[in-house]
Structures are given as C-alpha cells and as structure tokens.
C-alpha cells in the first residue's frame, strides 16, 4: 500500500517543489522586464513632450 502512495505522491511533491519556485522566478523576471519596458516608454513620452514644448517655445520666440 505504501509503495503505491510513494510512487504516485512523491513525484508530484518533487515536481511541486521544483515547479513552484521556478514559476515564481519566471514571474518575477517577467515583472522586471515589463517594468523596464514601462520606464522606457514613459521616458520616451517625456522626451517627446519636452521636444514639443521646445518646438512651441522656439516658434513663439520666432514670431
């Protein structure tokens, strides 16, 4: 009886001990990558807005 439990439950426990930390690591890595992309996007938006403001100021000074 114990052999059948050992052969069915033990592999699931081992897989769980490996899969759960691996899933957490992959999730954290994906979150870090997404955050980095978001920061780059926000920086690009800020640079674009600064360019528009600079162009508007240049146009106002030219008039």
C-alpha atoms as a PDB file:
ATOM      1  CA  UNK A   1       0.000   0.000   0.000  1.00  0.00           C
ATOM      2  CA  UNK A   2       2.736   2.444   0.908  1.00  0.00           C
ATOM      3  CA  UNK A   3       4.549   1.694  -2.323  1.00  0.00           C
ATOM      4  CA  UNK A   4       1.635   2.904  -4.430  1.00  0.00           C
ATOM      5  CA  UNK A   5       1.402   6.117  -2.398  1.00  0.00           C
ATOM      6  CA  UNK A   6       5.148   6.620  -2.668  1.00  0.00           C
ATOM      7  CA  UNK A   7       5.174   6.121  -6.433  1.00  0.00           C
ATOM      8  CA  UNK A   8       2.208   8.423  -7.067  1.00  0.00           C
ATOM      9  CA  UNK A   9       2.507  11.162  -4.451  1.00  0.00           C
ATOM     10  CA  UNK A  10       6.273  11.516  -4.155  1.00  0.00           C
ATOM     11  CA  UNK A  11       6.840  12.520  -7.791  1.00  0.00           C
ATOM     12  CA  UNK A  12       4.080  15.109  -7.511  1.00  0.00           C
ATOM     13  CA  UNK A  13       5.660  16.538  -4.372  1.00  0.00           C
ATOM     14  CA  UNK A  14       9.080  16.700  -6.024  1.00  0.00           C
ATOM     15  CA  UNK A  15       7.627  18.328  -9.119  1.00  0.00           C
ATOM     16  CA  UNK A  16       5.800  20.802  -6.882  1.00  0.00           C
ATOM     17  CA  UNK A  17       8.993  21.711  -5.035  1.00  0.00           C
ATOM     18  CA  UNK A  18      10.687  22.387  -8.374  1.00  0.00           C
ATOM     19  CA  UNK A  19       7.799  23.953 -10.270  1.00  0.00           C
ATOM     20  CA  UNK A  20       6.623  26.468  -7.677  1.00  0.00           C
ATOM     21  CA  UNK A  21       9.976  28.249  -7.202  1.00  0.00           C
ATOM     22  CA  UNK A  22      10.594  28.128 -10.956  1.00  0.00           C
ATOM     23  CA  UNK A  23       7.209  29.729 -11.597  1.00  0.00           C
ATOM     24  CA  UNK A  24       7.950  32.423  -9.014  1.00  0.00           C
ATOM     25  CA  UNK A  25      11.332  33.191 -10.564  1.00  0.00           C
ATOM     26  CA  UNK A  26       9.859  33.381 -14.053  1.00  0.00           C
ATOM     27  CA  UNK A  27       7.052  35.615 -12.810  1.00  0.00           C
ATOM     28  CA  UNK A  28       9.496  37.974 -11.109  1.00  0.00           C
ATOM     29  CA  UNK A  29      11.678  38.110 -14.227  1.00  0.00           C
ATOM     30  CA  UNK A  30       8.655  38.882 -16.401  1.00  0.00           C
ATOM     31  CA  UNK A  31       7.600  41.625 -13.999  1.00  0.00           C
ATOM     32  CA  UNK A  32      11.054  43.192 -14.021  1.00  0.00           C
ATOM     33  CA  UNK A  33      11.122  43.140 -17.812  1.00  0.00           C
ATOM     34  CA  UNK A  34       7.642  44.681 -18.022  1.00  0.00           C
ATOM     35  CA  UNK A  35       8.633  47.398 -15.528  1.00  0.00           C
ATOM     36  CA  UNK A  36      11.768  48.174 -17.547  1.00  0.00           C
ATOM     37  CA  UNK A  37       9.736  48.464 -20.747  1.00  0.00           C
ATOM     38  CA  UNK A  38       7.231  50.716 -18.961  1.00  0.00           C
ATOM     39  CA  UNK A  39      10.019  53.018 -17.727  1.00  0.00           C
ATOM     40  CA  UNK A  40      11.479  53.236 -21.243  1.00  0.00           C
ATOM     41  CA  UNK A  41       8.017  54.046 -22.608  1.00  0.00           C
ATOM     42  CA  UNK A  42       7.479  56.785 -20.009  1.00  0.00           C
ATOM     43  CA  UNK A  43      10.941  58.225 -20.748  1.00  0.00           C
ATOM     44  CA  UNK A  44      10.132  58.302 -24.465  1.00  0.00           C
ATOM     45  CA  UNK A  45       6.850  60.078 -23.757  1.00  0.00           C
ATOM     46  CA  UNK A  46       8.605  62.633 -21.558  1.00  0.00           C
ATOM     47  CA  UNK A  47      11.247  63.242 -24.237  1.00  0.00           C
ATOM     48  CA  UNK A  48       8.547  63.663 -26.875  1.00  0.00           C
ATOM     49  CA  UNK A  49       6.655  66.105 -24.686  1.00  0.00           C
ATOM     50  CA  UNK A  50       9.850  68.062 -23.975  1.00  0.00           C
ATOM     51  CA  UNK A  51      10.543  68.248 -27.717  1.00  0.00           C
ATOM     52  CA  UNK A  52       7.033  69.568 -28.349  1.00  0.00           C
ATOM     53  CA  UNK A  53       7.418  72.200 -25.625  1.00  0.00           C
ATOM     54  CA  UNK A  54      10.810  73.193 -27.004  1.00  0.00           C
ATOM     55  CA  UNK A  55       9.381  73.468 -30.517  1.00  0.00           C
ATOM     56  CA  UNK A  56       6.476  75.556 -29.242  1.00  0.00           C
ATOM     57  CA  UNK A  57       8.866  77.868 -27.391  1.00  0.00           C
ATOM     58  CA  UNK A  58      11.054  78.189 -30.487  1.00  0.00           C
ATOM     59  CA  UNK A  59       8.007  79.044 -32.594  1.00  0.00           C
ATOM     60  CA  UNK A  60       6.878  81.607 -30.015  1.00  0.00           C
ATOM     61  CA  UNK A  61      10.337  83.202 -29.925  1.00  0.00           C
ATOM     62  CA  UNK A  62      10.468  83.320 -33.712  1.00  0.00           C
ATOM     63  CA  UNK A  63       7.231  85.288 -34.041  1.00  0.00           C
END
